[in-house]
Amino acid sequence: MKIAKLIAASTVTLALMTGTVFAGDTKEKVDDAWITTKVKADLTKDKTTKAHDIHVNTKSGVVVLTGTVASAAEKEKAEANAKSVKGVVNVENQLRVAAAE
């Protein structure tokens, strides 16, 4: 019994140390690199966001968006896209809206 608890604790610790999270109720492992790639791909597919101006970083399922966008609507859309990706725990939207010229 003690061995089973030790193995379970070790597995959880290893998952946390490697930045691996579990997606929703499926218990499917989703890693940070996959999340970052998926968010970037979704931003690229979305014609309302300028993906080349948005930088994506993920740690322990928390996505951080940085860069400059043209409007508040684009900022909100980028955040919504990131939140829709499986495995995302939270989104820190640090995008700045460019000043109108």
Foldseek 3Di string as FASTA:
>chain_A
DVVVVVVVVVVVVVCLVQQWDAFDPPRDIDHQVNLQVQLLVLQVVDPLEDSVQWHWGDGSLEIEIEGETADPVNLVVSLVSSVPDTSRPYYHRHYHHDDDD
